[in-house]
Amino acid sequence: MWEGRTLYAKPWLRELFELHKPYALITYSTPKLSPMEGVVFVQRLEGRREGRYRYPGLLDEVEGVKVGRGVILVPFKHLRKVTKFLEEAGAEYVVRRIWM
């Protein structure tokens, strides 16, 4: 059920599962990072613009969305890649699984 596969379900329930997909709502904080490291972290996560050029970040690669300050929403299938990035950066995070 976490991955979105149903082996057996009533027809109306199967249709409901086909409409919704599993996502991970991740809240993170970076209190241990210096201001300079924080800027690099955000640029690697969200991407950056320089003039008319756009450099994609991790959220662009995994089709994620920044929901608010310190909150991102990513498809569940890309959760491992995002959590690995957060661990390497030294960020504290909490993952909540949701269906949308």
N, C-alpha and C. Protein backbone atom coordinates (compact mmCIF):
# COMPACT_ATOMS: atom_id res chain seq x y z
N MET A 1 0.81 -1.19 0.00
CA MET A 1 0.00 0.00 0.00
C MET A 1 0.85 1.25 0.00
N TRP A 2 2.03 1.21 0.62
CA TRP A 2 2.89 2.40 0.64
C TRP A 2 3.32 2.78 -0.77
N GLU A 3 3.57 1.81 -1.62
CA GLU A 3 4.04 2.08 -2.96
C GLU A 3 2.91 2.36 -3.93
N GLY A 4 1.68 2.17 -3.49
CA GLY A 4 0.55 2.47 -4.35
C GLY A 4 0.04 1.30 -5.15
N ARG A 5 0.37 0.08 -4.77
CA ARG A 5 -0.12 -1.09 -5.49
C ARG A 5 -1.18 -1.79 -4.67
N THR A 6 -2.29 -2.08 -5.32
CA THR A 6 -3.33 -2.83 -4.64
C THR A 6 -3.46 -4.19 -5.33
N LEU A 7 -3.46 -5.22 -4.53
CA LEU A 7 -3.60 -6.56 -5.09
C LEU A 7 -5.06 -6.95 -5.24
N TYR A 8 -5.87 -6.48 -4.30
CA TYR A 8 -7.29 -6.78 -4.36
C TYR A 8 -8.04 -5.63 -3.74
N ALA A 9 -9.05 -5.14 -4.40
CA ALA A 9 -9.88 -4.07 -3.85
C ALA A 9 -11.19 -4.02 -4.61
N LYS A 10 -12.18 -3.48 -3.98
CA LYS A 10 -13.46 -3.27 -4.65
C LYS A 10 -13.25 -2.25 -5.77
N PRO A 11 -14.07 -2.28 -6.82
CA PRO A 11 -13.85 -1.38 -7.96
C PRO A 11 -13.81 0.10 -7.59
N TRP A 12 -14.67 0.55 -6.70
CA TRP A 12 -14.67 1.97 -6.34
C TRP A 12 -13.40 2.35 -5.59
N LEU A 13 -12.86 1.43 -4.80
CA LEU A 13 -11.63 1.70 -4.06
C LEU A 13 -10.43 1.69 -5.01
N ARG A 14 -10.44 0.79 -5.97
CA ARG A 14 -9.36 0.74 -6.96
C ARG A 14 -9.30 2.06 -7.75
N GLU A 15 -10.46 2.59 -8.14
CA GLU A 15 -10.50 3.88 -8.85
C GLU A 15 -9.94 5.00 -8.00
N LEU A 16 -10.24 4.97 -6.71
CA LEU A 16 -9.72 5.99 -5.80
C LEU A 16 -8.20 5.94 -5.72
N PHE A 17 -7.64 4.73 -5.66
CA PHE A 17 -6.18 4.59 -5.59
C PHE A 17 -5.51 5.01 -6.90
N GLU A 18 -6.20 4.82 -8.02
CA GLU A 18 -5.63 5.23 -9.29
C GLU A 18 -5.59 6.74 -9.43
N LEU A 19 -6.49 7.44 -8.78
CA LEU A 19 -6.53 8.90 -8.84
C LEU A 19 -5.44 9.54 -7.98
N HIS A 20 -5.11 8.92 -6.88
CA HIS A 20 -4.15 9.49 -5.94
C HIS A 20 -2.82 8.77 -6.01
N LYS A 21 -1.76 9.52 -5.74
CA LYS A 21 -0.41 8.96 -5.77
C LYS A 21 0.27 9.19 -4.42
N PRO A 22 1.21 8.32 -4.03
CA PRO A 22 1.90 8.50 -2.75
C PRO A 22 3.00 9.57 -2.85
N TYR A 23 3.04 10.42 -1.84
CA TYR A 23 4.04 11.48 -1.75
C TYR A 23 4.65 11.46 -0.36
N ALA A 24 5.78 12.13 -0.24
CA ALA A 24 6.42 12.30 1.06
C ALA A 24 6.48 13.79 1.34
N LEU A 25 5.93 14.19 2.48
CA LEU A 25 6.01 15.57 2.94
C LEU A 25 7.17 15.62 3.92
N ILE A 26 8.20 16.36 3.57
CA ILE A 26 9.43 16.39 4.37
C ILE A 26 9.62 17.76 4.97
N THR A 27 9.75 17.80 6.29
CA THR A 27 10.11 19.04 6.98
C THR A 27 11.57 18.92 7.38
N TYR A 28 12.34 19.97 7.13
CA TYR A 28 13.76 19.92 7.43
C TYR A 28 14.22 21.23 8.07
N SER A 29 15.33 21.15 8.77
CA SER A 29 15.97 22.35 9.32
C SER A 29 17.48 22.15 9.24
N THR A 30 18.18 23.27 9.15
CA THR A 30 19.64 23.22 9.01
C THR A 30 20.31 24.13 10.03
N PRO A 31 20.11 23.89 11.32
CA PRO A 31 20.67 24.79 12.33
C PRO A 31 22.19 24.70 12.45
N LYS A 32 22.77 23.58 12.02
CA LYS A 32 24.22 23.39 12.18
C LYS A 32 25.02 23.99 11.03
N LEU A 33 24.35 24.43 9.97
CA LEU A 33 25.06 24.97 8.82
C LEU A 33 25.37 26.45 9.01
N SER A 34 26.53 26.86 8.54
CA SER A 34 26.87 28.28 8.55
C SER A 34 26.02 28.98 7.49
N PRO A 35 25.93 30.32 7.52
CA PRO A 35 25.13 31.01 6.50
C PRO A 35 25.58 30.69 5.07
N MET A 36 26.87 30.60 4.86
CA MET A 36 27.37 30.29 3.51
C MET A 36 26.99 28.87 3.10
N GLU A 37 27.13 27.92 4.02
CA GLU A 37 26.73 26.54 3.73
C GLU A 37 25.23 26.45 3.50
N GLY A 38 24.45 27.28 4.21
CA GLY A 38 23.01 27.30 4.03
C GLY A 38 22.61 27.75 2.64
N VAL A 39 23.31 28.74 2.12
CA VAL A 39 23.02 29.22 0.76
C VAL A 39 23.33 28.14 -0.26
N VAL A 40 24.46 27.46 -0.10
CA VAL A 40 24.82 26.38 -1.01
C VAL A 40 23.79 25.25 -0.93
N PHE A 41 23.35 24.94 0.28
CA PHE A 41 22.33 23.90 0.49
C PHE A 41 21.05 24.25 -0.27
N VAL A 42 20.57 25.46 -0.11
CA VAL A 42 19.33 25.88 -0.76
C VAL A 42 19.49 25.88 -2.28
N GLN A 43 20.64 26.33 -2.78
CA GLN A 43 20.85 26.34 -4.22
C GLN A 43 20.90 24.92 -4.79
N ARG A 44 21.51 24.00 -4.08
CA ARG A 44 21.54 22.61 -4.55
C ARG A 44 20.16 21.96 -4.48
N LEU A 45 19.36 22.37 -3.50
CA LEU A 45 18.02 21.80 -3.34
C LEU A 45 17.03 22.41 -4.33
N GLU A 46 16.97 23.73 -4.39
CA GLU A 46 15.95 24.42 -5.18
C GLU A 46 16.42 24.87 -6.56
N GLY A 47 17.72 24.90 -6.78
CA GLY A 47 18.24 25.44 -8.02
C GLY A 47 18.54 26.92 -7.84
N ARG A 48 19.04 27.55 -8.91
CA ARG A 48 19.35 28.98 -8.82
C ARG A 48 19.26 29.61 -10.19
N ARG A 49 19.20 30.94 -10.20
CA ARG A 49 19.19 31.70 -11.44
C ARG A 49 20.41 32.61 -11.46
N GLU A 50 20.97 32.73 -12.63
CA GLU A 50 22.09 33.63 -12.80
C GLU A 50 21.87 34.33 -14.12
N GLY A 51 21.43 35.58 -14.05
CA GLY A 51 21.07 36.28 -15.27
C GLY A 51 19.85 35.64 -15.89
N ARG A 52 19.95 35.30 -17.15
CA ARG A 52 18.81 34.65 -17.79
C ARG A 52 18.94 33.13 -17.80
N TYR A 53 19.95 32.61 -17.15
CA TYR A 53 20.17 31.17 -17.08
C TYR A 53 19.53 30.60 -15.81
N ARG A 54 19.07 29.38 -15.92
CA ARG A 54 18.45 28.69 -14.78
C ARG A 54 19.19 27.38 -14.58
N TYR A 55 19.70 27.18 -13.36
CA TYR A 55 20.40 25.95 -13.01
C TYR A 55 19.49 25.12 -12.12
N PRO A 56 19.06 23.95 -12.58
CA PRO A 56 18.09 23.16 -11.81
C PRO A 56 18.70 22.58 -10.54
N GLY A 57 17.86 22.39 -9.55
CA GLY A 57 18.25 21.77 -8.30
C GLY A 57 17.67 20.38 -8.18
N LEU A 58 17.83 19.81 -7.01
CA LEU A 58 17.34 18.45 -6.76
C LEU A 58 15.83 18.36 -6.90
N LEU A 59 15.11 19.38 -6.45
CA LEU A 59 13.64 19.34 -6.55
C LEU A 59 13.18 19.29 -8.00
N ASP A 60 13.92 19.93 -8.89
CA ASP A 60 13.57 19.86 -10.31
C ASP A 60 13.78 18.45 -10.85
N GLU A 61 14.83 17.79 -10.41
CA GLU A 61 15.14 16.44 -10.88
C GLU A 61 14.08 15.43 -10.45
N VAL A 62 13.59 15.57 -9.22
CA VAL A 62 12.66 14.58 -8.67
C VAL A 62 11.21 15.02 -8.76
N GLU A 63 10.95 16.11 -9.46
CA GLU A 63 9.59 16.64 -9.62
C GLU A 63 8.97 17.00 -8.28
N GLY A 64 9.78 17.56 -7.40
CA GLY A 64 9.31 17.97 -6.09
C GLY A 64 8.86 19.41 -6.07
N VAL A 65 8.24 19.81 -4.97
CA VAL A 65 7.71 21.16 -4.81
C VAL A 65 8.08 21.68 -3.43
N LYS A 66 8.48 22.95 -3.37
CA LYS A 66 8.69 23.58 -2.08
C LYS A 66 7.33 24.10 -1.59
N VAL A 67 6.89 23.61 -0.46
CA VAL A 67 5.58 23.96 0.06
C VAL A 67 5.67 25.22 0.92
N GLY A 68 6.72 25.33 1.68
CA GLY A 68 6.91 26.48 2.55
C GLY A 68 8.35 26.48 3.05
N ARG A 69 8.60 27.32 4.03
CA ARG A 69 9.95 27.40 4.57
C ARG A 69 10.29 26.10 5.31
N GLY A 70 11.24 25.37 4.78
CA GLY A 70 11.67 24.12 5.40
C GLY A 70 10.73 22.96 5.16
N VAL A 71 9.86 23.05 4.14
CA VAL A 71 8.91 21.97 3.85
C VAL A 71 8.91 21.72 2.35
N ILE A 72 9.12 20.45 1.96
CA ILE A 72 9.07 20.08 0.56
C ILE A 72 8.17 18.86 0.38
N LEU A 73 7.64 18.72 -0.82
CA LEU A 73 6.76 17.61 -1.17
C LEU A 73 7.38 16.90 -2.37
N VAL A 74 7.68 15.61 -2.22
CA VAL A 74 8.31 14.86 -3.31
C VAL A 74 7.55 13.56 -3.53
N PRO A 75 7.54 13.06 -4.78
CA PRO A 75 6.93 11.75 -5.02
C PRO A 75 7.65 10.68 -4.20
N PHE A 76 6.89 9.75 -3.69
CA PHE A 76 7.44 8.73 -2.79
C PHE A 76 8.56 7.92 -3.44
N LYS A 77 8.49 7.74 -4.76
CA LYS A 77 9.51 6.94 -5.43
C LYS A 77 10.88 7.60 -5.41
N HIS A 78 10.96 8.91 -5.14
CA HIS A 78 12.23 9.63 -5.07
C HIS A 78 12.66 9.95 -3.64
N LEU A 79 11.98 9.38 -2.67
CA LEU A 79 12.26 9.70 -1.27
C LEU A 79 13.69 9.38 -0.88
N ARG A 80 14.18 8.24 -1.29
CA ARG A 80 15.54 7.82 -0.90
C ARG A 80 16.60 8.81 -1.39
N LYS A 81 16.45 9.30 -2.61
CA LYS A 81 17.41 10.26 -3.17
C LYS A 81 17.41 11.57 -2.37
N VAL A 82 16.23 12.03 -1.98
CA VAL A 82 16.12 13.29 -1.24
C VAL A 82 16.65 13.13 0.18
N THR A 83 16.31 12.03 0.85
CA THR A 83 16.80 11.84 2.21
C THR A 83 18.31 11.66 2.24
N LYS A 84 18.86 11.02 1.22
CA LYS A 84 20.32 10.89 1.13
C LYS A 84 20.96 12.27 1.02
N PHE A 85 20.39 13.13 0.20
CA PHE A 85 20.89 14.50 0.05
C PHE A 85 20.83 15.26 1.38
N LEU A 86 19.71 15.13 2.10
CA LEU A 86 19.55 15.82 3.38
C LEU A 86 20.55 15.31 4.42
N GLU A 87 20.77 14.01 4.43
CA GLU A 87 21.74 13.43 5.38
C GLU A 87 23.16 13.89 5.08
N GLU A 88 23.51 13.93 3.80
CA GLU A 88 24.85 14.38 3.43
C GLU A 88 25.06 15.85 3.78
N ALA A 89 24.00 16.65 3.72
CA ALA A 89 24.10 18.07 4.03
C ALA A 89 24.09 18.32 5.55
N GLY A 90 23.73 17.32 6.33
CA GLY A 90 23.68 17.49 7.78
C GLY A 90 22.39 18.12 8.27
N ALA A 91 21.33 18.00 7.49
CA ALA A 91 20.04 18.58 7.87
C ALA A 91 19.26 17.59 8.73
N GLU A 92 18.48 18.14 9.64
CA GLU A 92 17.55 17.33 10.43
C GLU A 92 16.22 17.32 9.68
N TYR A 93 15.58 16.16 9.59
CA TYR A 93 14.34 16.10 8.82
C TYR A 93 13.37 15.08 9.40
N VAL A 94 12.09 15.26 9.03
CA VAL A 94 11.02 14.34 9.40
C VAL A 94 10.22 14.08 8.14
N VAL A 95 9.92 12.80 7.88
CA VAL A 95 9.18 12.40 6.68
C VAL A 95 7.78 11.96 7.09
N ARG A 96 6.80 12.49 6.38
CA ARG A 96 5.40 12.07 6.57
C ARG A 96 4.90 11.56 5.22
N ARG A 97 4.28 10.41 5.22
CA ARG A 97 3.77 9.84 3.97
C ARG A 97 2.31 10.28 3.79
N ILE A 98 2.01 10.77 2.60
CA ILE A 98 0.64 11.23 2.30
C ILE A 98 0.24 10.76 0.91
N TRP A 99 -1.05 10.80 0.64
CA TRP A 99 -1.59 10.50 -0.68
C TRP A 99 -2.25 11.75 -1.22
N MET A 100 -1.96 12.06 -2.46
CA MET A 100 -2.58 13.24 -3.09
C MET A 100 -3.06 12.89 -4.47
